[in-house]
Amino acid sequence: LRNQTGGDATLNVAIEALPFSKWEESRLTGFVALFGSILIIIPFAFVGALFVSPLLREVNSGFKQQQFISGTGALAYWGASWAWDALLFAGVVCASLAVFALATIFAPAAADAFAGTPQATLATTLAISLFGVAVVPLASVASFGFRVPSSGLIFLIAFHFLSGFGLIVTDFILSNIDTTRAANKSLKGLYRVFPAYCLGESFYIMASRSAFETIGVPPPPLFSS
C-alpha cells in the first residue's frame, strides 16, 4: 500500500471487545450484588452494636442498681429499655428507607432492587426491621459480659461485621464450587443464627434478582407461601 500510494495512505485500526454473554453478565451481576450486600452490612454492624452502650453506662453509673433498689421490677426495666430501643430503631428503618428512596431517583440502577417496587420496599423494610428485632435483645445479653461501654461496643461491632462479612463471602464461594455446594446448603441453618448474615443474605437475594432477568429467566418471588 505504501509503494502504491507513495507513502500517503494510512491505516487506522480499532479493537473493540466482544460483548459479554448472558451467562457472563449474570455472573458479574452476582459479584456486584455480593459487594453491595457487604457494603450494607458495614453501617448496620455499628447500628446493631450501639444498643449495648447505654446499658453498660447505666451499670457503671449505678443507675441500674438504683432503679432496682427503688422497686423497679426486671420486667418493667427491660420492657422500658426495649421499647425505647425499638423506637430508636424505627428511626433507623425510616432513615434507611428515605436513603433508598432518594437513591432510586439519583441512582436507580443501584437502588431499584431495594426500593424500586412496593414489593421490594416491603422486603427491605422487613429485612431491616427483623435485624433490629434480633440485635436489640442480643445487645441486652451482651451487656452482662462487659463492664466498660467501649469494650462491649467494639466487641459487638466486630461480631456483627465478621459474622456478616465472613459468612456472606463463605456462602458465596462454597455455593459456587461443585464439591462444596451440598455441604454449604446444609450449613445454611447455622449461618442464619447470626443476624448480620441474615441481613446481608436478604440484600444479596434482592440485588441478585436482576441476574435472572439477564439470562431471560423470571426472578423468583420475594415472598412465597
Protein backbone atom coordinates (compact mmCIF):
# COMPACT_ATOMS: atom_id res chain seq x y z
CA LEU A 1 0.00 0.00 0.00
CA ARG A 2 2.86 2.37 0.80
CA ASN A 3 4.54 1.63 -2.53
CA GLN A 4 1.35 2.12 -4.49
CA THR A 5 0.41 5.42 -2.85
CA GLY A 6 3.84 6.86 -2.37
CA GLY A 7 3.55 6.74 1.40
CA ASP A 8 0.46 8.96 1.57
CA ALA A 9 -2.03 6.30 2.71
CA THR A 10 -2.51 5.34 6.36
CA LEU A 11 -4.33 2.55 8.13
CA ASN A 12 -6.38 3.10 11.31
CA VAL A 13 -7.03 0.00 13.40
CA ALA A 14 -9.59 -0.15 16.19
CA ILE A 15 -10.10 -3.00 18.64
CA GLU A 16 -13.39 -3.48 20.41
CA ALA A 17 -14.06 -6.24 22.90
CA LEU A 18 -16.87 -8.66 22.23
CA PRO A 19 -19.97 -8.13 24.41
CA PHE A 20 -20.44 -10.28 27.47
CA SER A 21 -22.59 -13.35 27.09
CA LYS A 22 -25.79 -13.58 29.09
CA TRP A 23 -24.13 -16.05 31.46
CA GLU A 24 -21.13 -13.74 32.00
CA GLU A 25 -23.45 -10.80 32.67
CA SER A 26 -25.37 -12.82 35.25
CA ARG A 27 -22.14 -13.82 36.99
CA LEU A 28 -20.97 -10.21 37.03
CA THR A 29 -24.32 -9.17 38.49
CA GLY A 30 -23.85 -11.77 41.22
CA PHE A 31 -20.47 -10.32 42.19
CA VAL A 32 -21.88 -6.79 42.24
CA ALA A 33 -24.75 -7.99 44.44
CA LEU A 34 -22.28 -9.63 46.81
CA PHE A 35 -20.22 -6.44 47.06
CA GLY A 36 -23.34 -4.36 47.64
CA SER A 37 -24.59 -6.60 50.44
CA ILE A 38 -21.20 -6.40 52.16
CA LEU A 39 -21.24 -2.60 51.97
CA ILE A 40 -24.70 -2.55 53.56
CA ILE A 41 -23.53 -4.78 56.42
CA ILE A 42 -20.79 -2.31 57.45
CA PRO A 43 -23.01 0.55 58.74
CA PHE A 44 -25.56 -1.84 60.22
CA ALA A 45 -22.79 -3.56 62.19
CA PHE A 46 -22.35 -0.24 64.02
CA VAL A 47 -26.11 0.26 64.38
CA GLY A 48 -26.61 -3.18 65.87
CA ALA A 49 -23.84 -2.64 68.41
CA LEU A 50 -24.91 0.80 69.63
CA PHE A 51 -27.66 -0.54 71.88
CA VAL A 52 -25.19 -2.08 74.33
CA SER A 53 -23.55 1.21 75.30
CA PRO A 54 -26.46 2.81 77.25
CA LEU A 55 -26.96 -0.40 79.22
CA LEU A 56 -23.30 -0.52 80.25
CA ARG A 57 -23.27 3.18 81.13
CA GLU A 58 -26.23 2.60 83.44
CA VAL A 59 -24.31 -0.21 85.15
CA ASN A 60 -21.15 1.91 85.55
CA SER A 61 -23.04 4.91 86.90
CA GLY A 62 -25.05 2.80 89.35
CA PHE A 63 -28.29 3.99 87.81
CA LYS A 64 -29.43 0.45 87.02
CA GLN A 65 -28.85 -0.73 90.59
CA GLN A 66 -30.61 2.37 91.93
CA GLN A 67 -33.70 1.56 89.88
CA PHE A 68 -33.88 -1.99 91.18
CA ILE A 69 -33.33 -0.84 94.77
CA SER A 70 -36.15 1.68 94.33
CA GLY A 71 -38.56 -1.12 93.44
CA THR A 72 -38.39 -1.26 89.64
CA GLY A 73 -39.03 -4.82 88.53
CA ALA A 74 -36.94 -6.64 85.95
CA LEU A 75 -39.91 -6.85 83.58
CA ALA A 76 -40.56 -3.11 83.79
CA TYR A 77 -36.87 -2.25 83.40
CA TRP A 78 -36.21 -4.42 80.37
CA GLY A 79 -39.60 -3.68 78.86
CA ALA A 80 -38.93 0.07 79.01
CA SER A 81 -35.41 -0.43 77.67
CA TRP A 82 -36.58 -2.49 74.72
CA ALA A 83 -39.46 -0.12 73.99
CA TRP A 84 -37.03 2.81 73.80
CA ASP A 85 -34.62 0.78 71.64
CA ALA A 86 -37.49 -0.18 69.34
CA LEU A 87 -38.41 3.48 68.96
CA LEU A 88 -34.82 4.36 68.10
CA PHE A 89 -34.53 1.52 65.61
CA ALA A 90 -37.79 2.60 63.98
CA GLY A 91 -36.00 5.87 63.24
CA VAL A 92 -33.15 3.88 61.67
CA VAL A 93 -35.62 2.00 59.48
CA CYS A 94 -37.28 5.22 58.34
CA ALA A 95 -33.95 6.90 57.62
CA SER A 96 -32.74 3.85 55.67
CA LEU A 97 -35.89 3.77 53.55
CA ALA A 98 -35.53 7.51 52.88
CA VAL A 99 -31.97 6.93 51.64
CA PHE A 100 -33.12 4.11 49.36
CA ALA A 101 -35.98 6.26 48.06
CA LEU A 102 -33.56 9.08 47.20
CA ALA A 103 -31.20 6.56 45.60
CA THR A 104 -33.97 5.38 43.26
CA ILE A 105 -34.09 8.95 41.94
CA PHE A 106 -30.37 9.65 41.59
CA ALA A 107 -29.04 6.11 41.06
CA PRO A 108 -31.97 3.94 40.00
CA ALA A 109 -29.80 1.15 38.60
CA ALA A 110 -28.34 0.51 42.05
CA ALA A 111 -31.38 1.11 44.26
CA ASP A 112 -34.35 -0.21 42.29
CA ALA A 113 -33.70 -3.71 43.62
CA PHE A 114 -34.33 -2.43 47.17
CA ALA A 115 -37.00 0.23 46.75
CA GLY A 116 -37.97 0.30 43.09
CA THR A 117 -41.30 -1.51 43.62
CA PRO A 118 -43.72 -1.79 46.56
CA GLN A 119 -42.74 -5.44 46.95
CA ALA A 120 -39.02 -4.59 47.09
CA THR A 121 -39.67 -1.75 49.55
CA LEU A 122 -41.64 -4.09 51.80
CA ALA A 123 -38.88 -6.70 51.66
CA THR A 124 -36.27 -4.08 52.57
CA THR A 125 -38.40 -2.82 55.46
CA LEU A 126 -38.87 -6.34 56.83
CA ALA A 127 -35.18 -7.21 56.48
CA ILE A 128 -34.03 -4.15 58.41
CA SER A 129 -36.81 -4.38 60.99
CA LEU A 130 -36.16 -8.06 61.74
CA PHE A 131 -32.47 -7.29 62.06
CA GLY A 132 -33.44 -4.85 64.80
CA VAL A 133 -35.63 -7.46 66.49
CA ALA A 134 -32.59 -9.74 66.65
CA VAL A 135 -29.82 -7.31 67.64
CA VAL A 136 -31.60 -5.41 70.42
CA PRO A 137 -32.06 -8.48 72.69
CA LEU A 138 -28.57 -9.64 71.71
CA ALA A 139 -27.14 -6.34 72.94
CA SER A 140 -29.02 -6.79 76.22
CA VAL A 141 -27.50 -10.25 76.71
CA ALA A 142 -24.03 -8.98 75.77
CA SER A 143 -24.29 -6.20 78.39
CA PHE A 144 -23.90 -8.82 81.15
CA GLY A 145 -20.47 -9.79 79.84
CA PHE A 146 -18.82 -6.36 79.93
CA ARG A 147 -18.28 -3.51 82.35
CA VAL A 148 -16.72 -0.91 80.04
CA PRO A 149 -19.09 0.53 77.39
CA SER A 150 -16.36 0.86 74.76
CA SER A 151 -15.34 -2.78 75.16
CA GLY A 152 -18.89 -4.02 74.67
CA LEU A 153 -19.38 -1.71 71.71
CA ILE A 154 -16.17 -2.81 69.97
CA PHE A 155 -16.94 -6.48 70.58
CA LEU A 156 -20.42 -6.28 69.06
CA ILE A 157 -19.23 -4.23 66.08
CA ALA A 158 -16.59 -6.87 65.36
CA PHE A 159 -19.09 -9.68 65.95
CA HIS A 160 -21.69 -8.30 63.53
CA PHE A 161 -19.15 -7.33 60.89
CA LEU A 162 -17.19 -10.58 60.94
CA SER A 163 -20.24 -12.83 61.13
CA GLY A 164 -21.94 -10.89 58.34
CA PHE A 165 -18.96 -10.28 56.04
CA GLY A 166 -17.27 -13.61 56.70
CA LEU A 167 -20.33 -15.80 56.30
CA ILE A 168 -21.69 -13.97 53.26
CA VAL A 169 -18.37 -14.41 51.43
CA THR A 170 -18.04 -18.01 52.63
CA ASP A 171 -21.56 -18.80 51.49
CA PHE A 172 -20.97 -17.23 48.08
CA ILE A 173 -17.70 -19.10 47.49
CA LEU A 174 -18.89 -22.51 48.71
CA SER A 175 -22.17 -22.30 46.81
CA ASN A 176 -20.25 -21.79 43.54
CA ILE A 177 -17.98 -24.82 43.99
CA ASP A 178 -19.50 -28.12 42.94
CA THR A 179 -17.76 -30.17 45.62
CA THR A 180 -18.86 -27.92 48.49
CA ARG A 181 -22.32 -26.84 47.33
CA ALA A 182 -24.19 -29.60 49.20
CA ALA A 183 -22.25 -29.06 52.44
CA ASN A 184 -22.82 -25.32 52.25
CA LYS A 185 -26.55 -25.86 51.81
CA SER A 186 -26.64 -27.95 54.98
CA LEU A 187 -24.84 -25.18 56.87
CA LYS A 188 -27.39 -22.51 55.94
CA GLY A 189 -29.29 -23.11 59.18
CA LEU A 190 -26.14 -22.38 61.20
CA TYR A 191 -25.36 -19.25 59.19
CA ARG A 192 -28.83 -17.87 59.89
CA VAL A 193 -28.23 -17.87 63.62
CA PHE A 194 -26.26 -14.65 63.06
CA PRO A 195 -28.37 -11.50 62.46
CA ALA A 196 -25.81 -9.76 60.26
CA TYR A 197 -25.66 -12.74 57.89
CA CYS A 198 -29.46 -12.78 57.59
CA LEU A 199 -29.46 -9.07 56.74
CA GLY A 200 -26.67 -9.46 54.21
CA GLU A 201 -28.30 -12.52 52.63
CA SER A 202 -31.59 -10.64 52.29
CA PHE A 203 -29.97 -7.76 50.45
CA TYR A 204 -27.88 -10.15 48.34
CA ILE A 205 -31.02 -12.00 47.22
CA MET A 206 -32.76 -8.75 46.35
CA ALA A 207 -29.75 -7.37 44.49
CA SER A 208 -29.08 -10.57 42.53
CA ARG A 209 -32.63 -10.93 41.19
CA SER A 210 -31.65 -8.91 38.12
CA ALA A 211 -29.23 -11.71 37.19
CA PHE A 212 -32.24 -13.92 36.42
CA GLU A 213 -33.67 -11.27 34.12
CA THR A 214 -30.30 -11.05 32.33
CA ILE A 215 -30.43 -14.70 31.24
CA GLY A 216 -34.13 -14.49 30.40
CA VAL A 217 -35.43 -16.33 33.46
CA PRO A 218 -38.18 -14.76 35.61
CA PRO A 219 -36.74 -13.92 39.06
CA PRO A 220 -38.15 -15.86 41.99
CA PRO A 221 -40.76 -14.01 44.08
CA LEU A 222 -39.53 -12.19 47.15
CA PHE A 223 -42.41 -13.63 49.16
CA SER A 224 -43.74 -17.15 48.83
CA SER A 225 -46.27 -19.16 50.75
